[in-house]
Amino acid sequence: MTYTVTFTAFAETQLATIWLRAKNQQAVANASDQMEVMLRSNPEQVGRLRSDGRRAIAKPPLGFTFEVNSDDRRVTVVSVRYLPRFRKSQ
């Protein structure tokens, strides 16, 4: 069964800000799209469970923190973060 994925206003603002500042906006859009697909199909098995009961998923250059309501088949993304790539020291 499919879940409906929504974003809080805060998470939408975070995602928009990250996208606007990104050097590679397509990578941000692709990561967001891919995570949304994963969350629609099986959110309780995706990412990792945090101590606060929320779940976290990462698909560089983005990470989502989300809540799952199984009764309503709803996923709410509550925050979005940018995951910078770290360069290896030479």
C-alpha atoms as a PDB file:
ATOM      1  CA  MET A   1       0.000   0.000   0.000  1.00  0.00           C
ATOM      2  CA  THR A   2       1.121   3.513  -0.707  1.00  0.00           C
ATOM      3  CA  TYR A   3       1.748   6.181   1.889  1.00  0.00           C
ATOM      4  CA  THR A   4       1.129   9.877   1.316  1.00  0.00           C
ATOM      5  CA  VAL A   5       4.264  11.963   1.870  1.00  0.00           C
ATOM      6  CA  THR A   6       3.905  15.554   3.073  1.00  0.00           C
ATOM      7  CA  PHE A   7       6.363  18.161   4.327  1.00  0.00           C
ATOM      8  CA  THR A   8       5.911  20.542   7.223  1.00  0.00           C
ATOM      9  CA  ALA A   9       6.253  24.219   6.306  1.00  0.00           C
ATOM     10  CA  PHE A  10       9.607  24.215   8.116  1.00  0.00           C
ATOM     11  CA  ALA A  11      10.890  21.256   6.066  1.00  0.00           C
ATOM     12  CA  GLU A  12       9.658  22.830   2.813  1.00  0.00           C
ATOM     13  CA  THR A  13      11.570  26.015   3.640  1.00  0.00           C
ATOM     14  CA  GLN A  14      14.700  24.040   4.460  1.00  0.00           C
ATOM     15  CA  LEU A  15      14.503  22.114   1.183  1.00  0.00           C
ATOM     16  CA  ALA A  16      13.926  25.276  -0.853  1.00  0.00           C
ATOM     17  CA  THR A  17      16.864  27.034   0.819  1.00  0.00           C
ATOM     18  CA  ILE A  18      19.170  24.070   0.212  1.00  0.00           C
ATOM     19  CA  TRP A  19      18.087  23.857  -3.429  1.00  0.00           C
ATOM     20  CA  LEU A  20      18.576  27.590  -4.034  1.00  0.00           C
ATOM     21  CA  ARG A  21      22.093  27.512  -2.546  1.00  0.00           C
ATOM     22  CA  ALA A  22      23.182  24.248  -4.149  1.00  0.00           C
ATOM     23  CA  LYS A  23      25.933  24.140  -6.725  1.00  0.00           C
ATOM     24  CA  ASN A  24      24.202  21.101  -8.186  1.00  0.00           C
ATOM     25  CA  GLN A  25      20.466  21.721  -7.942  1.00  0.00           C
ATOM     26  CA  GLN A  26      19.700  18.616  -9.987  1.00  0.00           C
ATOM     27  CA  ALA A  27      21.455  16.409  -7.406  1.00  0.00           C
ATOM     28  CA  VAL A  28      19.296  17.940  -4.666  1.00  0.00           C
ATOM     29  CA  ALA A  29      16.119  17.410  -6.680  1.00  0.00           C
ATOM     30  CA  ASN A  30      17.072  13.826  -7.541  1.00  0.00           C
ATOM     31  CA  ALA A  31      17.863  12.939  -3.920  1.00  0.00           C
ATOM     32  CA  SER A  32      14.574  14.428  -2.732  1.00  0.00           C
ATOM     33  CA  ASP A  33      12.603  12.565  -5.403  1.00  0.00           C
ATOM     34  CA  GLN A  34      14.323   9.255  -4.643  1.00  0.00           C
ATOM     35  CA  MET A  35      13.700   9.540  -0.901  1.00  0.00           C
ATOM     36  CA  GLU A  36      10.047  10.421  -1.468  1.00  0.00           C
ATOM     37  CA  VAL A  37       9.626   7.279  -3.589  1.00  0.00           C
ATOM     38  CA  MET A  38      11.173   5.193  -0.809  1.00  0.00           C
ATOM     39  CA  LEU A  39       8.940   6.802   1.822  1.00  0.00           C
ATOM     40  CA  ARG A  40       5.771   6.205  -0.209  1.00  0.00           C
ATOM     41  CA  SER A  41       6.330   2.468  -0.409  1.00  0.00           C
ATOM     42  CA  ASN A  42       7.712   1.287   2.943  1.00  0.00           C
ATOM     43  CA  PRO A  43       8.601   4.104   5.364  1.00  0.00           C
ATOM     44  CA  GLU A  44       8.848   1.946   8.474  1.00  0.00           C
ATOM     45  CA  GLN A  45      11.680  -0.061   6.931  1.00  0.00           C
ATOM     46  CA  VAL A  46      13.624   2.890   5.514  1.00  0.00           C
ATOM     47  CA  GLY A  47      16.450   4.707   7.233  1.00  0.00           C
ATOM     48  CA  ARG A  48      17.065   4.421  10.940  1.00  0.00           C
ATOM     49  CA  LEU A  49      14.899   4.841  14.003  1.00  0.00           C
ATOM     50  CA  ARG A  50      15.966   7.713  16.259  1.00  0.00           C
ATOM     51  CA  SER A  51      15.606   7.878  20.030  1.00  0.00           C
ATOM     52  CA  ASP A  52      12.760  10.422  19.695  1.00  0.00           C
ATOM     53  CA  GLY A  53      10.633   7.937  17.699  1.00  0.00           C
ATOM     54  CA  ARG A  54      11.205   9.682  14.381  1.00  0.00           C
ATOM     55  CA  ARG A  55      13.113   8.110  11.530  1.00  0.00           C
ATOM     56  CA  ALA A  56      16.002   9.505   9.481  1.00  0.00           C
ATOM     57  CA  ILE A  57      16.994   8.725   5.909  1.00  0.00           C
ATOM     58  CA  ALA A  58      19.935   9.985   3.874  1.00  0.00           C
ATOM     59  CA  LYS A  59      20.555  10.151   0.177  1.00  0.00           C
ATOM     60  CA  PRO A  60      23.451  12.573  -0.346  1.00  0.00           C
ATOM     61  CA  PRO A  61      23.362  15.457  -0.652  1.00  0.00           C
ATOM     62  CA  LEU A  62      20.167  15.401   1.477  1.00  0.00           C
ATOM     63  CA  GLY A  63      18.828  13.878   4.635  1.00  0.00           C
ATOM     64  CA  PHE A  64      15.206  13.789   5.828  1.00  0.00           C
ATOM     65  CA  THR A  65      13.833  13.344   9.325  1.00  0.00           C
ATOM     66  CA  PHE A  66      10.280  12.036   9.216  1.00  0.00           C
ATOM     67  CA  GLU A  67       7.359  10.657  11.185  1.00  0.00           C
ATOM     68  CA  VAL A  68       5.182   7.726  10.124  1.00  0.00           C
ATOM     69  CA  ASN A  69       1.481   7.429  10.890  1.00  0.00           C
ATOM     70  CA  SER A  70       0.621   3.868   9.865  1.00  0.00           C
ATOM     71  CA  ASP A  71      -3.081   4.200  10.671  1.00  0.00           C
ATOM     72  CA  ASP A  72      -3.469   7.085   8.195  1.00  0.00           C
ATOM     73  CA  ARG A  73      -0.783   5.754   5.800  1.00  0.00           C
ATOM     74  CA  ARG A  74       0.936   9.117   6.061  1.00  0.00           C
ATOM     75  CA  VAL A  75       4.578  10.187   6.247  1.00  0.00           C
ATOM     76  CA  THR A  76       5.455  13.694   7.380  1.00  0.00           C
ATOM     77  CA  VAL A  77       8.933  15.029   6.644  1.00  0.00           C
ATOM     78  CA  VAL A  78       9.707  17.317   9.580  1.00  0.00           C
ATOM     79  CA  SER A  79      13.205  18.465   8.643  1.00  0.00           C
ATOM     80  CA  VAL A  80      15.605  18.453   5.720  1.00  0.00           C
ATOM     81  CA  ARG A  81      19.359  18.799   6.017  1.00  0.00           C
ATOM     82  CA  TYR A  82      22.201  19.276   3.606  1.00  0.00           C
ATOM     83  CA  LEU A  83      24.849  16.578   3.758  1.00  0.00           C
ATOM     84  CA  PRO A  84      28.114  18.056   2.530  1.00  0.00           C
ATOM     85  CA  ARG A  85      30.642  15.729   1.068  1.00  0.00           C
ATOM     86  CA  PHE A  86      33.828  15.610   3.059  1.00  0.00           C
ATOM     87  CA  ARG A  87      37.086  15.545   1.187  1.00  0.00           C
ATOM     88  CA  LYS A  88      39.740  13.086   2.233  1.00  0.00           C
ATOM     89  CA  SER A  89      42.878  14.730   3.528  1.00  0.00           C
ATOM     90  CA  GLN A  90      45.878  14.283   1.279  1.00  0.00           C
END
